[in-house]
Amino acid sequence: MFRRRIIEKRTYDKEKLKPVLKCSICNGEQVAGFKNRQTGKFEEVMFIRDTKDLAQFLEMYELSSVEKEY
């Protein structure tokens, strides 16, 4: 029997922060997090290894999509 892992819902300041997926051109690494709209500072939340990790990030913050930055 498989048990689905319960994902804790989290919130963020939608006016100050923008959800972003930072992607490396060289090695393909992806990191999900939030970019401050005023300062441009990126705050890392989790490393994305595959589509399951990305789906978990989207579900955790109740997002439908996330913008990629290189």
Protein backbone atom coordinates (compact mmCIF):
# COMPACT_ATOMS: atom_id res chain seq x y z
CA MET A 1 0.00 0.00 0.00
CA PHE A 2 1.36 3.39 -0.98
CA ARG A 3 0.92 6.37 1.27
CA ARG A 4 0.90 9.79 -0.26
CA ARG A 5 3.24 12.19 1.46
CA ILE A 6 1.35 15.09 2.99
CA ILE A 7 2.70 18.40 1.71
CA GLU A 8 2.59 21.30 4.13
CA LYS A 9 1.08 24.39 2.53
CA ARG A 10 3.21 27.53 2.82
CA THR A 11 2.63 31.17 2.00
CA TYR A 12 4.78 34.01 0.68
CA ASP A 13 4.38 37.75 0.21
CA LYS A 14 3.00 37.94 -3.34
CA GLU A 15 3.60 41.69 -3.59
CA LYS A 16 7.29 41.55 -2.60
CA LEU A 17 8.34 38.11 -3.88
CA LYS A 18 8.09 36.41 -7.26
CA PRO A 19 8.34 32.59 -7.59
CA VAL A 20 11.29 31.69 -9.83
CA LEU A 21 13.04 28.56 -11.07
CA LYS A 22 16.77 29.36 -11.43
CA CYS A 23 18.25 27.14 -14.14
CA SER A 24 21.92 26.63 -14.96
CA ILE A 25 22.75 26.59 -18.66
CA CYS A 26 25.98 24.64 -18.04
CA ASN A 27 24.87 21.64 -16.00
CA GLY A 28 21.06 21.79 -16.01
CA GLU A 29 20.70 22.29 -12.25
CA GLN A 30 17.42 23.85 -11.17
CA VAL A 31 16.63 25.59 -7.88
CA ALA A 32 13.16 26.79 -6.91
CA GLY A 33 12.76 29.86 -4.78
CA PHE A 34 11.63 33.45 -4.62
CA LYS A 35 13.12 36.62 -6.06
CA ASN A 36 12.61 39.93 -4.28
CA ARG A 37 10.90 42.23 -6.77
CA GLN A 38 12.69 45.35 -5.47
CA THR A 39 16.22 44.14 -4.74
CA GLY A 40 16.45 41.19 -7.15
CA LYS A 41 17.85 38.99 -4.36
CA PHE A 42 17.05 35.29 -4.81
CA GLU A 43 16.08 33.15 -1.81
CA GLU A 44 16.48 29.41 -2.42
CA VAL A 45 13.72 27.09 -1.19
CA MET A 46 14.50 23.70 -2.71
CA PHE A 47 16.66 21.89 -5.25
CA ILE A 48 14.67 20.50 -8.20
CA ARG A 49 15.90 17.09 -9.38
CA ASP A 50 12.88 16.00 -11.42
CA THR A 51 9.25 16.77 -12.26
CA LYS A 52 8.08 15.34 -8.91
CA ASP A 53 10.14 17.92 -7.02
CA LEU A 54 8.76 20.72 -9.20
CA ALA A 55 5.20 19.48 -8.65
CA GLN A 56 5.85 19.40 -4.90
CA PHE A 57 7.09 23.03 -4.94
CA LEU A 58 4.08 24.15 -6.97
CA GLU A 59 1.68 22.34 -4.64
CA MET A 60 3.44 23.58 -1.50
CA TYR A 61 2.94 27.24 -2.48
CA GLU A 62 -0.32 26.68 -4.42
CA LEU A 63 1.17 27.85 -7.74
CA SER A 64 0.05 26.87 -11.24
CA SER A 65 3.38 27.70 -12.89
CA VAL A 66 6.76 29.25 -12.20
CA GLU A 67 8.96 31.43 -14.38
CA LYS A 68 12.42 30.16 -15.37
CA GLU A 69 15.51 32.36 -15.17
CA TYR A 70 18.92 31.47 -16.60
